[in-house]
């Protein structure tokens, strides 16, 4: 058992079982036929980040930077 995506993907590639990872992490392996999907009905579409934080005007600088980054990267994709 691990929470390292690279280790999990490598184990799946070696036939050590199934794994649950974000599709972009394995898209090349799926396209090449090295991996295949299963149990799709249990894999909801991911609509992006959901961030809950206090609405106080005095946010920590690191939190403010994270929120700004996520908002700006979303605007660039739209």
N, C-alpha and C. Protein backbone atom coordinates (compact mmCIF):
# COMPACT_ATOMS: atom_id res chain seq x y z
N UNK A 1 0.85 -1.17 0.00
CA UNK A 1 0.00 0.00 0.00
C UNK A 1 0.90 1.23 0.00
N UNK A 2 0.56 2.18 -0.86
CA UNK A 2 1.35 3.41 -0.95
C UNK A 2 0.46 4.56 -1.40
N UNK A 3 0.91 5.76 -1.17
CA UNK A 3 0.20 6.93 -1.68
C UNK A 3 1.03 7.66 -2.73
N UNK A 4 2.07 7.01 -3.24
CA UNK A 4 2.93 7.58 -4.26
C UNK A 4 2.41 7.17 -5.63
N UNK A 5 1.93 8.12 -6.41
CA UNK A 5 1.30 7.82 -7.70
C UNK A 5 2.24 7.07 -8.63
N UNK A 6 3.52 7.43 -8.64
CA UNK A 6 4.47 6.75 -9.52
C UNK A 6 4.61 5.27 -9.16
N UNK A 7 4.66 4.97 -7.87
CA UNK A 7 4.77 3.59 -7.41
C UNK A 7 3.50 2.82 -7.75
N UNK A 8 2.35 3.44 -7.55
CA UNK A 8 1.07 2.80 -7.84
C UNK A 8 0.96 2.48 -9.33
N UNK A 9 1.32 3.43 -10.17
CA UNK A 9 1.25 3.22 -11.62
C UNK A 9 2.22 2.13 -12.05
N UNK A 10 3.41 2.14 -11.51
CA UNK A 10 4.39 1.11 -11.84
C UNK A 10 3.88 -0.27 -11.44
N UNK A 11 3.26 -0.38 -10.28
CA UNK A 11 2.70 -1.66 -9.84
C UNK A 11 1.62 -2.14 -10.80
N UNK A 12 0.76 -1.23 -11.24
CA UNK A 12 -0.29 -1.60 -12.20
C UNK A 12 0.33 -2.05 -13.52
N UNK A 13 1.35 -1.36 -13.97
CA UNK A 13 2.03 -1.74 -15.21
C UNK A 13 2.67 -3.13 -15.11
N UNK A 14 3.08 -3.50 -13.91
CA UNK A 14 3.69 -4.82 -13.68
C UNK A 14 2.64 -5.90 -13.42
N UNK A 15 1.36 -5.52 -13.50
CA UNK A 15 0.30 -6.50 -13.32
C UNK A 15 0.02 -6.86 -11.87
N UNK A 16 0.34 -5.96 -10.96
CA UNK A 16 0.19 -6.24 -9.53
C UNK A 16 -1.20 -5.90 -8.98
N UNK A 17 -2.16 -5.59 -9.85
CA UNK A 17 -3.50 -5.28 -9.39
C UNK A 17 -4.04 -4.05 -10.09
N UNK A 18 -5.11 -3.52 -9.53
CA UNK A 18 -5.72 -2.32 -10.09
C UNK A 18 -5.39 -1.13 -9.21
N UNK A 19 -5.54 0.05 -9.80
CA UNK A 19 -5.24 1.27 -9.05
C UNK A 19 -6.26 2.34 -9.38
N UNK A 20 -6.30 3.35 -8.57
CA UNK A 20 -7.21 4.47 -8.76
C UNK A 20 -6.36 5.74 -8.80
N UNK A 21 -6.17 6.29 -10.01
CA UNK A 21 -5.39 7.50 -10.19
C UNK A 21 -6.12 8.41 -11.17
N UNK A 22 -5.74 9.67 -11.19
CA UNK A 22 -6.31 10.59 -12.16
C UNK A 22 -5.89 10.15 -13.57
N UNK A 23 -6.84 10.16 -14.49
CA UNK A 23 -6.60 9.68 -15.85
C UNK A 23 -5.42 10.37 -16.54
N UNK A 24 -5.23 11.69 -16.38
CA UNK A 24 -4.09 12.32 -17.04
C UNK A 24 -2.74 11.71 -16.64
N UNK A 25 -2.65 11.12 -15.45
CA UNK A 25 -1.40 10.50 -15.00
C UNK A 25 -1.05 9.27 -15.83
N UNK A 26 -2.07 8.62 -16.41
CA UNK A 26 -1.84 7.36 -17.13
C UNK A 26 -2.33 7.40 -18.57
N UNK A 27 -2.63 8.57 -19.10
CA UNK A 27 -3.21 8.68 -20.44
C UNK A 27 -2.32 8.04 -21.51
N UNK A 28 -1.01 8.22 -21.38
CA UNK A 28 -0.10 7.61 -22.36
C UNK A 28 -0.15 6.09 -22.29
N UNK A 29 -0.21 5.55 -21.08
CA UNK A 29 -0.29 4.10 -20.91
C UNK A 29 -1.62 3.56 -21.43
N UNK A 30 -2.69 4.31 -21.22
CA UNK A 30 -3.99 3.89 -21.75
C UNK A 30 -3.98 3.89 -23.27
N UNK A 31 -3.44 4.96 -23.85
CA UNK A 31 -3.40 5.08 -25.32
C UNK A 31 -2.55 3.98 -25.94
N UNK A 32 -1.47 3.59 -25.25
CA UNK A 32 -0.58 2.56 -25.78
C UNK A 32 -1.08 1.15 -25.49
N UNK A 33 -2.14 1.03 -24.70
CA UNK A 33 -2.68 -0.29 -24.38
C UNK A 33 -1.97 -1.00 -23.25
N UNK A 34 -1.06 -0.30 -22.57
CA UNK A 34 -0.35 -0.92 -21.44
C UNK A 34 -1.25 -1.04 -20.22
N UNK A 35 -2.23 -0.14 -20.11
CA UNK A 35 -3.23 -0.18 -19.05
C UNK A 35 -4.61 -0.06 -19.68
N UNK A 36 -5.61 -0.50 -18.95
CA UNK A 36 -6.98 -0.33 -19.41
C UNK A 36 -7.83 0.11 -18.24
N UNK A 37 -8.94 0.75 -18.54
CA UNK A 37 -9.84 1.22 -17.49
C UNK A 37 -10.78 0.09 -17.07
N UNK A 38 -11.29 0.21 -15.87
CA UNK A 38 -12.30 -0.71 -15.37
C UNK A 38 -13.13 0.03 -14.32
N UNK A 39 -14.28 -0.49 -14.06
CA UNK A 39 -15.18 0.09 -13.04
C UNK A 39 -15.49 1.56 -13.30
N UNK A 40 -15.68 1.91 -14.58
CA UNK A 40 -15.92 3.31 -14.95
C UNK A 40 -17.12 3.93 -14.24
N UNK A 41 -18.13 3.10 -13.94
CA UNK A 41 -19.33 3.65 -13.29
C UNK A 41 -19.04 4.19 -11.89
N UNK A 42 -17.89 3.82 -11.33
CA UNK A 42 -17.51 4.31 -10.00
C UNK A 42 -16.48 5.43 -10.06
N UNK A 43 -16.23 5.95 -11.25
CA UNK A 43 -15.22 6.99 -11.44
C UNK A 43 -15.88 8.27 -11.93
N UNK A 44 -16.28 9.14 -11.01
CA UNK A 44 -16.94 10.37 -11.43
C UNK A 44 -15.99 11.30 -12.17
N UNK A 45 -16.53 12.12 -13.04
CA UNK A 45 -15.71 13.13 -13.72
C UNK A 45 -15.25 14.15 -12.70
N UNK A 46 -14.04 14.63 -12.87
CA UNK A 46 -13.46 15.60 -11.95
C UNK A 46 -13.61 16.98 -12.55
N UNK A 47 -14.30 17.84 -11.86
CA UNK A 47 -14.58 19.18 -12.39
C UNK A 47 -13.53 20.21 -11.99
N UNK A 48 -12.51 19.80 -11.28
CA UNK A 48 -11.46 20.73 -10.90
C UNK A 48 -11.32 20.85 -9.40
N UNK A 49 -10.52 21.80 -8.99
CA UNK A 49 -10.27 22.01 -7.57
C UNK A 49 -11.47 22.63 -6.89
N UNK A 50 -11.69 22.23 -5.67
CA UNK A 50 -12.69 22.85 -4.80
C UNK A 50 -11.96 23.25 -3.54
N UNK A 51 -11.96 24.52 -3.27
CA UNK A 51 -11.17 25.03 -2.16
C UNK A 51 -12.10 25.76 -1.19
N UNK A 52 -12.07 25.35 0.05
CA UNK A 52 -12.85 26.00 1.09
C UNK A 52 -11.87 26.64 2.07
N UNK A 53 -12.08 27.90 2.34
CA UNK A 53 -11.19 28.60 3.25
C UNK A 53 -11.98 29.71 3.92
N UNK A 54 -11.50 30.19 5.06
CA UNK A 54 -12.21 31.26 5.77
C UNK A 54 -12.27 32.51 4.91
N UNK A 55 -13.40 33.18 4.93
CA UNK A 55 -13.58 34.38 4.13
C UNK A 55 -13.07 35.65 4.79
N UNK A 56 -12.24 35.49 5.80
CA UNK A 56 -11.70 36.67 6.49
C UNK A 56 -10.81 37.47 5.55
N UNK A 57 -10.80 38.76 5.70
CA UNK A 57 -9.95 39.58 4.84
C UNK A 57 -8.46 39.35 5.06
N UNK A 58 -8.06 38.86 6.23
CA UNK A 58 -6.63 38.66 6.51
C UNK A 58 -6.25 37.20 6.24
N UNK A 59 -6.05 36.86 4.98
CA UNK A 59 -5.60 35.52 4.62
C UNK A 59 -4.08 35.45 4.78
N UNK A 60 -3.61 34.26 5.10
CA UNK A 60 -2.17 34.06 5.11
C UNK A 60 -1.64 34.28 3.70
N UNK A 61 -0.44 34.78 3.59
CA UNK A 61 0.14 35.08 2.29
C UNK A 61 0.21 33.83 1.41
N UNK A 62 0.58 32.69 1.99
CA UNK A 62 0.67 31.46 1.21
C UNK A 62 -0.69 31.04 0.68
N UNK A 63 -1.73 31.15 1.50
CA UNK A 63 -3.08 30.80 1.07
C UNK A 63 -3.55 31.75 -0.02
N UNK A 64 -3.30 33.02 0.14
CA UNK A 64 -3.70 34.00 -0.88
C UNK A 64 -3.00 33.70 -2.21
N UNK A 65 -1.72 33.33 -2.16
CA UNK A 65 -0.98 33.01 -3.38
C UNK A 65 -1.55 31.77 -4.05
N UNK A 66 -1.91 30.76 -3.26
CA UNK A 66 -2.50 29.55 -3.81
C UNK A 66 -3.84 29.85 -4.48
N UNK A 67 -4.69 30.58 -3.82
CA UNK A 67 -5.99 30.94 -4.39
C UNK A 67 -5.81 31.73 -5.68
N UNK A 68 -4.93 32.70 -5.68
CA UNK A 68 -4.67 33.50 -6.89
C UNK A 68 -4.16 32.62 -8.03
N UNK A 69 -3.25 31.70 -7.72
CA UNK A 69 -2.70 30.81 -8.75
C UNK A 69 -3.79 29.92 -9.34
N UNK A 70 -4.59 29.30 -8.49
CA UNK A 70 -5.64 28.41 -8.98
C UNK A 70 -6.67 29.17 -9.81
N UNK A 71 -7.02 30.35 -9.37
CA UNK A 71 -8.00 31.16 -10.13
C UNK A 71 -7.43 31.60 -11.46
N UNK A 72 -6.18 32.02 -11.49
CA UNK A 72 -5.59 32.49 -12.76
C UNK A 72 -5.39 31.34 -13.72
N UNK A 73 -5.00 30.15 -13.24
CA UNK A 73 -4.81 29.02 -14.16
C UNK A 73 -6.15 28.56 -14.70
N UNK A 74 -7.20 28.69 -13.94
CA UNK A 74 -8.54 28.33 -14.45
C UNK A 74 -8.97 29.31 -15.54
N UNK A 75 -8.72 30.59 -15.32
CA UNK A 75 -9.09 31.58 -16.33
C UNK A 75 -8.34 31.36 -17.64
N UNK A 76 -7.07 30.94 -17.56
CA UNK A 76 -6.29 30.67 -18.78
C UNK A 76 -6.85 29.50 -19.56
N UNK A 77 -7.41 28.49 -18.88
CA UNK A 77 -7.97 27.32 -19.56
C UNK A 77 -9.31 27.63 -20.21
N UNK A 78 -10.04 28.61 -19.70
CA UNK A 78 -11.38 28.90 -20.22
C UNK A 78 -11.36 29.71 -21.47
